[in-house]
PDB file of N, CA and C in Angstrom:
ATOM      1  N   MET A   1      74.504  18.808 -29.645  1.00  0.00           N
ATOM      2  CA  MET A   1      74.094  19.915 -30.341  1.00  0.00           C
ATOM      3  C   MET A   1      73.388  19.057 -31.701  1.00  0.00           C
ATOM      4  N   SER A   2      72.415  19.390 -32.105  1.00  0.00           N
ATOM      5  CA  SER A   2      71.738  18.668 -33.587  1.00  0.00           C
ATOM      6  C   SER A   2      71.977  19.199 -34.612  1.00  0.00           C
ATOM      7  N   ILE A   3      71.658  18.034 -35.601  1.00  0.00           N
ATOM      8  CA  ILE A   3      72.455  18.173 -36.844  1.00  0.00           C
ATOM      9  C   ILE A   3      71.764  19.501 -37.603  1.00  0.00           C
ATOM     10  N   LYS A   4      70.723  19.792 -37.209  1.00  0.00           N
ATOM     11  CA  LYS A   4      70.369  21.353 -37.905  1.00  0.00           C
ATOM     12  C   LYS A   4      71.104  22.480 -37.250  1.00  0.00           C
ATOM     13  N   GLU A   5      71.477  22.567 -36.077  1.00  0.00           N
ATOM     14  CA  GLU A   5      72.329  23.409 -35.606  1.00  0.00           C
ATOM     15  C   GLU A   5      73.637  23.130 -35.984  1.00  0.00           C
ATOM     16  N   THR A   6      74.196  22.230 -36.189  1.00  0.00           N
ATOM     17  CA  THR A   6      75.388  21.724 -37.064  1.00  0.00           C
ATOM     18  C   THR A   6      75.623  22.486 -38.542  1.00  0.00           C
ATOM     19  N   ASN A   7      74.530  21.892 -38.848  1.00  0.00           N
ATOM     20  CA  ASN A   7      74.460  22.694 -40.360  1.00  0.00           C
ATOM     21  C   ASN A   7      74.390  24.110 -40.505  1.00  0.00           C
ATOM     22  N   ASP A   8      73.661  24.805 -39.427  1.00  0.00           N
ATOM     23  CA  ASP A   8      73.536  26.128 -39.775  1.00  0.00           C
ATOM     24  C   ASP A   8      74.871  26.815 -38.975  1.00  0.00           C
ATOM     25  N   LYS A   9      75.445  25.649 -38.475  1.00  0.00           N
ATOM     26  CA  LYS A   9      76.738  26.661 -37.974  1.00  0.00           C
ATOM     27  C   LYS A   9      77.884  26.529 -39.005  1.00  0.00           C
ATOM     28  N   ILE A  10      77.613  25.382 -39.816  1.00  0.00           N
ATOM     29  CA  ILE A  10      78.636  25.236 -40.737  1.00  0.00           C
ATOM     30  C   ILE A  10      78.287  26.266 -42.133  1.00  0.00           C
ATOM     31  N   ALA A  11      77.262  26.090 -42.103  1.00  0.00           N
ATOM     32  CA  ALA A  11      76.635  27.405 -43.008  1.00  0.00           C
ATOM     33  C   ALA A  11      77.250  28.524 -43.138  1.00  0.00           C
ATOM     34  N   GLN A  12      77.036  29.234 -41.593  1.00  0.00           N
ATOM     35  CA  GLN A  12      77.264  30.312 -41.334  1.00  0.00           C
ATOM     36  C   GLN A  12      79.056  30.459 -41.525  1.00  0.00           C
ATOM     37  N   GLU A  13      79.794  29.704 -41.039  1.00  0.00           N
ATOM     38  CA  GLU A  13      81.374  29.644 -41.336  1.00  0.00           C
ATOM     39  C   GLU A  13      81.584  29.886 -42.658  1.00  0.00           C
ATOM     40  N   VAL A  14      80.878  28.873 -43.723  1.00  0.00           N
ATOM     41  CA  VAL A  14      81.146  28.758 -45.042  1.00  0.00           C
ATOM     42  C   VAL A  14      80.463  30.022 -45.511  1.00  0.00           C
ATOM     43  N   THR A  15      79.480  30.853 -45.247  1.00  0.00           N
ATOM     44  CA  THR A  15      79.447  32.231 -45.875  1.00  0.00           C
ATOM     45  C   THR A  15      80.381  33.359 -45.133  1.00  0.00           C
ATOM     46  N   THR A  16      80.687  33.336 -44.282  1.00  0.00           N
ATOM     47  CA  THR A  16      81.507  34.186 -43.608  1.00  0.00           C
ATOM     48  C   THR A  16      83.038  34.236 -44.018  1.00  0.00           C
ATOM     49  N   GLY A  17      83.335  32.781 -44.444  1.00  0.00           N
ATOM     50  CA  GLY A  17      84.755  32.376 -45.331  1.00  0.00           C
ATOM     51  C   GLY A  17      84.708  33.279 -46.637  1.00  0.00           C
ATOM     52  N   PHE A  18      83.395  32.738 -47.453  1.00  0.00           N
ATOM     53  CA  PHE A  18      83.107  33.287 -48.631  1.00  0.00           C
ATOM     54  C   PHE A  18      83.345  34.663 -48.484  1.00  0.00           C
ATOM     55  N   GLN A  19      82.766  35.369 -47.900  1.00  0.00           N
ATOM     56  CA  GLN A  19      82.468  36.836 -47.786  1.00  0.00           C
ATOM     57  C   GLN A  19      83.807  37.694 -47.703  1.00  0.00           C
ATOM     58  N   LYS A  20      84.982  36.917 -46.868  1.00  0.00           N
ATOM     59  CA  LYS A  20      85.888  37.167 -46.603  1.00  0.00           C
ATOM     60  C   LYS A  20      87.039  37.282 -47.408  1.00  0.00           C
ATOM     61  N   ILE A  21      86.844  36.263 -48.690  1.00  0.00           N
ATOM     62  CA  ILE A  21      87.578  36.368 -49.604  1.00  0.00           C
ATOM     63  C   ILE A  21      87.075  37.129 -50.772  1.00  0.00           C
ATOM     64  N   GLU A  22      85.532  37.220 -50.580  1.00  0.00           N
ATOM     65  CA  GLU A  22      85.051  38.036 -51.881  1.00  0.00           C
ATOM     66  C   GLU A  22      85.545  39.778 -51.771  1.00  0.00           C
ATOM     67  N   ASP A  23      85.721  39.800 -50.218  1.00  0.00           N
ATOM     68  CA  ASP A  23      86.239  41.313 -49.693  1.00  0.00           C
ATOM     69  C   ASP A  23      87.588  41.282 -50.190  1.00  0.00           C
ATOM     70  N   GLY A  24      88.415  40.440 -49.966  1.00  0.00           N
ATOM     71  CA  GLY A  24      89.937  40.618 -50.225  1.00  0.00           C
ATOM     72  C   GLY A  24      90.133  40.394 -51.625  1.00  0.00           C
ATOM     73  N   VAL A  25      89.429  39.771 -52.701  1.00  0.00           N
ATOM     74  CA  VAL A  25      89.946  39.855 -54.149  1.00  0.00           C
ATOM     75  C   VAL A  25      89.159  41.349 -54.345  1.00  0.00           C
ATOM     76  N   MET A  26      88.017  41.333 -54.242  1.00  0.00           N
ATOM     77  CA  MET A  26      87.484  42.860 -54.685  1.00  0.00           C
ATOM     78  C   MET A  26      88.342  43.864 -54.172  1.00  0.00           C
ATOM     79  N   GLY A  27      88.692  43.866 -52.913  1.00  0.00           N
ATOM     80  CA  GLY A  27      89.604  45.172 -52.407  1.00  0.00           C
ATOM     81  C   GLY A  27      91.158  45.419 -53.172  1.00  0.00           C
ATOM     82  N   GLY A  28      91.440  43.884 -53.420  1.00  0.00           N
ATOM     83  CA  GLY A  28      92.697  44.043 -54.577  1.00  0.00           C
ATOM     84  C   GLY A  28      92.399  44.346 -55.657  1.00  0.00           C
ATOM     85  N   TYR A  29      91.747  43.891 -56.429  1.00  0.00           N
ATOM     86  CA  TYR A  29      91.080  44.404 -57.761  1.00  0.00           C
ATOM     87  C   TYR A  29      90.832  45.968 -57.738  1.00  0.00           C
ATOM     88  N   LYS A  30      90.243  46.777 -56.719  1.00  0.00           N
ATOM     89  CA  LYS A  30      89.964  48.178 -56.724  1.00  0.00           C
ATOM     90  C   LYS A  30      91.522  49.120 -56.442  1.00  0.00           C
ATOM     91  N   LYS A  31      92.354  48.462 -55.674  1.00  0.00           N
ATOM     92  CA  LYS A  31      93.590  48.821 -55.487  1.00  0.00           C
ATOM     93  C   LYS A  31      94.142  48.973 -57.183  1.00  0.00           C
ATOM     94  N   ILE A  32      94.130  47.801 -57.594  1.00  0.00           N
ATOM     95  CA  ILE A  32      95.059  47.608 -59.042  1.00  0.00           C
ATOM     96  C   ILE A  32      94.222  48.673 -59.853  1.00  0.00           C
ATOM     97  N   GLU A  33      92.906  48.562 -59.964  1.00  0.00           N
ATOM     98  CA  GLU A  33      91.876  49.041 -60.870  1.00  0.00           C
ATOM     99  C   GLU A  33      92.359  50.814 -60.497  1.00  0.00           C
ATOM    100  N   ASN A  34      92.439  51.347 -59.423  1.00  0.00           N
ATOM    101  CA  ASN A  34      92.668  52.214 -59.003  1.00  0.00           C
ATOM    102  C   ASN A  34      94.387  52.960 -59.456  1.00  0.00           C
ATOM    103  N   GLY A  35      95.017  52.551 -59.345  1.00  0.00           N
ATOM    104  CA  GLY A  35      96.699  52.420 -59.737  1.00  0.00           C
ATOM    105  C   GLY A  35      96.569  52.541 -61.333  1.00  0.00           C
ATOM    106  N   VAL A  36      95.997  51.635 -62.254  1.00  0.00           N
ATOM    107  CA  VAL A  36      95.951  51.832 -63.520  1.00  0.00           C
ATOM    108  C   VAL A  36      95.261  53.064 -63.919  1.00  0.00           C
ATOM    109  N   VAL A  37      94.299  53.347 -63.366  1.00  0.00           N
ATOM    110  CA  VAL A  37      93.790  54.821 -64.038  1.00  0.00           C
ATOM    111  C   VAL A  37      94.323  55.633 -63.461  1.00  0.00           C
ATOM    112  N   GLY A  38      94.862  55.928 -62.263  1.00  0.00           N
ATOM    113  CA  GLY A  38      95.552  56.877 -61.785  1.00  0.00           C
ATOM    114  C   GLY A  38      96.834  57.354 -62.836  1.00  0.00           C
ATOM    115  N   ALA A  39      97.572  55.914 -63.040  1.00  0.00           N
ATOM    116  CA  ALA A  39      98.570  56.300 -63.921  1.00  0.00           C
ATOM    117  C   ALA A  39      98.176  56.566 -65.300  1.00  0.00           C
ATOM    118  N   PHE A  40      97.166  56.100 -65.906  1.00  0.00           N
ATOM    119  CA  PHE A  40      96.854  56.574 -67.267  1.00  0.00           C
ATOM    120  C   PHE A  40      96.125  58.163 -67.279  1.00  0.00           C
ATOM    121  N   GLU A  41      95.609  58.433 -66.319  1.00  0.00           N
ATOM    122  CA  GLU A  41      95.408  60.063 -66.165  1.00  0.00           C
ATOM    123  C   GLU A  41      96.601  60.718 -65.943  1.00  0.00           C
ATOM    124  N   LYS A  42      97.756  60.415 -65.399  1.00  0.00           N
ATOM    125  CA  LYS A  42      98.857  61.329 -65.069  1.00  0.00           C
ATOM    126  C   LYS A  42      99.332  61.540 -66.755  1.00  0.00           C
ATOM    127  N   MET A  43      99.297  60.090 -67.660  1.00  0.00           N
ATOM    128  CA  MET A  43     100.033  60.003 -68.610  1.00  0.00           C
ATOM    129  C   MET A  43      99.333  60.957 -69.721  1.00  0.00           C
ATOM    130  N   GLU A  44      98.157  61.064 -69.457  1.00  0.00           N
ATOM    131  CA  GLU A  44      97.277  61.686 -70.394  1.00  0.00           C
ATOM    132  C   GLU A  44      97.230  63.229 -70.332  1.00  0.00           C
ATOM    133  N   ASP A  45      97.543  63.767 -68.935  1.00  0.00           N
ATOM    134  CA  ASP A  45      97.786  64.933 -68.440  1.00  0.00           C
ATOM    135  C   ASP A  45      98.856  65.293 -69.032  1.00  0.00           C
ATOM    136  N   LYS A  46      99.969  64.735 -69.225  1.00  0.00           N
ATOM    137  CA  LYS A  46     101.281  65.135 -69.518  1.00  0.00           C
ATOM    138  C   LYS A  46     101.465  64.971 -71.165  1.00  0.00           C
ATOM    139  N   PHE A  47     100.579  64.364 -71.767  1.00  0.00           N
ATOM    140  CA  PHE A  47     100.546  64.207 -73.150  1.00  0.00           C
ATOM    141  C   PHE A  47      99.897  65.619 -73.872  1.00  0.00           C
ATOM    142  N   VAL A  48      98.813  65.765 -73.037  1.00  0.00           N
ATOM    143  CA  VAL A  48      97.698  67.480 -73.370  1.00  0.00           C
ATOM    144  C   VAL A  48      98.720  68.307 -73.051  1.00  0.00           C
ATOM    145  N   GLY A  49      99.420  68.364 -71.968  1.00  0.00           N
ATOM    146  CA  GLY A  49      99.874  69.616 -71.506  1.00  0.00           C
ATOM    147  C   GLY A  49     101.208  69.791 -72.534  1.00  0.00           C
ATOM    148  N   LYS A  50     101.725  68.880 -73.000  1.00  0.00           N
ATOM    149  CA  LYS A  50     102.887  68.847 -73.801  1.00  0.00           C
ATOM    150  C   LYS A  50     102.599  69.307 -75.296  1.00  0.00           C
ATOM    151  N   PHE A  51     101.536  68.346 -75.885  1.00  0.00           N
ATOM    152  CA  PHE A  51     101.125  68.425 -77.157  1.00  0.00           C
ATOM    153  C   PHE A  51      99.908  68.890 -77.879  1.00  0.00           C
ATOM    154  N   LEU A  52      98.833  69.212 -76.869  1.00  0.00           N
ATOM    155  CA  LEU A  52      97.641  69.591 -77.404  1.00  0.00           C
ATOM    156  C   LEU A  52      97.110  71.141 -76.623  1.00  0.00           C
ATOM    157  N   THR A  53      98.112  71.754 -75.494  1.00  0.00           N
ATOM    158  CA  THR A  53      97.524  72.658 -74.944  1.00  0.00           C
ATOM    159  C   THR A  53      97.750  74.327 -76.189  1.00  0.00           C
ATOM    160  N   HIS A  54      97.030  75.229 -75.686  1.00  0.00           N
ATOM    161  CA  HIS A  54      97.127  76.154 -76.845  1.00  0.00           C
ATOM    162  C   HIS A  54      97.884  77.331 -75.724  1.00  0.00           C
ATOM    163  N   GLU A  55      98.489  78.524 -76.136  1.00  0.00           N
ATOM    164  CA  GLU A  55      99.311  79.278 -75.354  1.00  0.00           C
ATOM    165  C   GLU A  55      98.205  79.540 -74.021  1.00  0.00           C
ATOM    166  N   GLY A  56      99.226  79.950 -72.964  1.00  0.00           N
ATOM    167  CA  GLY A  56      98.388  80.081 -71.856  1.00  0.00           C
ATOM    168  C   GLY A  56      97.261  79.111 -71.541  1.00  0.00           C
ATOM    169  N   GLU A  57      96.735  78.434 -72.180  1.00  0.00           N
ATOM    170  CA  GLU A  57      95.644  77.241 -71.874  1.00  0.00           C
ATOM    171  C   GLU A  57      95.992  76.217 -70.851  1.00  0.00           C
ATOM    172  N   THR A  58      94.992  75.909 -69.566  1.00  0.00           N
ATOM    173  CA  THR A  58      95.487  74.765 -68.644  1.00  0.00           C
ATOM    174  C   THR A  58      95.414  73.442 -69.508  1.00  0.00           C
ATOM    175  N   VAL A  59      95.655  72.320 -69.061  1.00  0.00           N
ATOM    176  CA  VAL A  59      95.360  70.875 -69.405  1.00  0.00           C
ATOM    177  C   VAL A  59      93.855  70.649 -69.184  1.00  0.00           C
ATOM    178  N   GLU A  60      93.118  71.067 -68.272  1.00  0.00           N
ATOM    179  CA  GLU A  60      91.915  70.826 -68.051  1.00  0.00           C
ATOM    180  C   GLU A  60      90.992  71.594 -68.990  1.00  0.00           C
ATOM    181  N   ASP A  61      91.707  72.990 -69.357  1.00  0.00           N
ATOM    182  CA  ASP A  61      90.778  73.761 -70.198  1.00  0.00           C
ATOM    183  C   ASP A  61      90.944  72.960 -71.625  1.00  0.00           C
ATOM    184  N   ALA A  62      92.143  72.440 -72.103  1.00  0.00           N
ATOM    185  CA  ALA A  62      92.254  71.991 -73.471  1.00  0.00           C
ATOM    186  C   ALA A  62      91.641  70.702 -73.407  1.00  0.00           C
ATOM    187  N   LYS A  63      91.459  69.916 -72.446  1.00  0.00           N
ATOM    188  CA  LYS A  63      90.602  68.697 -72.159  1.00  0.00           C
ATOM    189  C   LYS A  63      89.229  69.109 -72.589  1.00  0.00           C
ATOM    190  N   LYS A  64      88.725  69.931 -72.079  1.00  0.00           N
ATOM    191  CA  LYS A  64      87.375  70.391 -72.430  1.00  0.00           C
ATOM    192  C   LYS A  64      87.245  71.156 -73.627  1.00  0.00           C
ATOM    193  N   ARG A  65      88.088  71.599 -74.136  1.00  0.00           N
ATOM    194  CA  ARG A  65      88.214  72.133 -75.752  1.00  0.00           C
ATOM    195  C   ARG A  65      88.134  70.738 -76.583  1.00  0.00           C
ATOM    196  N   LEU A  66      89.116  70.185 -76.421  1.00  0.00           N
ATOM    197  CA  LEU A  66      88.896  68.889 -77.082  1.00  0.00           C
ATOM    198  C   LEU A  66      87.630  68.044 -77.253  1.00  0.00           C
ATOM    199  N   ALA A  67      87.160  67.920 -75.676  1.00  0.00           N
ATOM    200  CA  ALA A  67      85.919  67.048 -75.800  1.00  0.00           C
ATOM    201  C   ALA A  67      84.552  67.657 -76.413  1.00  0.00           C
ATOM    202  N   GLU A  68      84.917  68.951 -76.346  1.00  0.00           N
ATOM    203  CA  GLU A  68      83.642  69.872 -77.519  1.00  0.00           C
ATOM    204  C   GLU A  68      84.089  69.837 -79.004  1.00  0.00           C
ATOM    205  N   GLU A  69      85.363  69.932 -79.241  1.00  0.00           N
ATOM    206  CA  GLU A  69      85.419  69.698 -80.835  1.00  0.00           C
ATOM    207  C   GLU A  69      85.374  68.144 -81.138  1.00  0.00           C
ATOM    208  N   GLN A  70      85.512  67.139 -80.159  1.00  0.00           N
ATOM    209  CA  GLN A  70      85.310  65.945 -80.791  1.00  0.00           C
ATOM    210  C   GLN A  70      83.533  65.523 -80.627  1.00  0.00           C
ATOM    211  N   ARG A  71      82.714  66.157 -79.939  1.00  0.00           N
ATOM    212  CA  ARG A  71      81.264  66.121 -79.783  1.00  0.00           C
ATOM    213  C   ARG A  71      80.655  66.723 -81.197  1.00  0.00           C
ATOM    214  N   LYS A  72      81.522  67.987 -81.619  1.00  0.00           N
ATOM    215  CA  LYS A  72      80.987  68.401 -82.786  1.00  0.00           C
ATOM    216  C   LYS A  72      81.374  67.946 -83.807  1.00  0.00           C
ATOM    217  N   ARG A  73      82.120  67.016 -84.422  1.00  0.00           N
ATOM    218  CA  ARG A  73      82.833  66.463 -85.278  1.00  0.00           C
ATOM    219  C   ARG A  73      81.863  65.169 -85.417  1.00  0.00           C
ATOM    220  N   GLU A  74      81.361  64.859 -84.044  1.00  0.00           N
ATOM    221  CA  GLU A  74      80.290  63.281 -84.095  1.00  0.00           C
ATOM    222  C   GLU A  74      79.522  64.034 -84.519  1.00  0.00           C
ATOM    223  N   GLU A  75      78.865  65.032 -84.059  1.00  0.00           N
ATOM    224  CA  GLU A  75      77.436  65.583 -84.632  1.00  0.00           C
ATOM    225  C   GLU A  75      77.233  65.923 -86.247  1.00  0.00           C
ATOM    226  N   SER A  76      78.882  66.633 -86.466  1.00  0.00           N
ATOM    227  CA  SER A  76      78.525  66.834 -88.057  1.00  0.00           C
ATOM    228  C   SER A  76      78.566  65.360 -88.874  1.00  0.00           C
ATOM    229  N   ALA A  77      79.481  64.695 -88.500  1.00  0.00           N
ATOM    230  CA  ALA A  77      79.132  62.840 -89.159  1.00  0.00           C
ATOM    231  C   ALA A  77      77.977  62.701 -89.051  1.00  0.00           C
ATOM    232  N   LYS A  78      77.159  62.616 -88.158  1.00  0.00           N
ATOM    233  CA  LYS A  78      75.597  62.186 -88.168  1.00  0.00           C
ATOM    234  C   LYS A  78      74.828  62.840 -89.091  1.00  0.00           C
ATOM    235  N   ASP A  79      75.106  64.419 -89.209  1.00  0.00           N
ATOM    236  CA  ASP A  79      74.586  64.933 -90.322  1.00  0.00           C
ATOM    237  C   ASP A  79      74.350  64.680 -91.751  1.00  0.00           C
ATOM    238  N   GLU A  80      75.621  64.471 -92.014  1.00  0.00           N
ATOM    239  CA  GLU A  80      76.115  63.956 -93.204  1.00  0.00           C
ATOM    240  C   GLU A  80      75.560  62.860 -93.843  1.00  0.00           C
TER     241      GLU A  80
END
């Protein structure tokens, strides 16, 4: 085997190893991120459901209403 072939083989092994490490790290990060985001969304839904919904309003409807109210407040603040 020539030096070039040996170097190519080493480069391929290093690249493959790096890719496996990167995939593992990113996979772990995505799992953590999804877990945190999911937990936050559950807490948010419970808070909105308990404190911010109007009579007969769903959590999703309340979130839409609150987002619209916030948008109006921001527009009003820009106009002033």
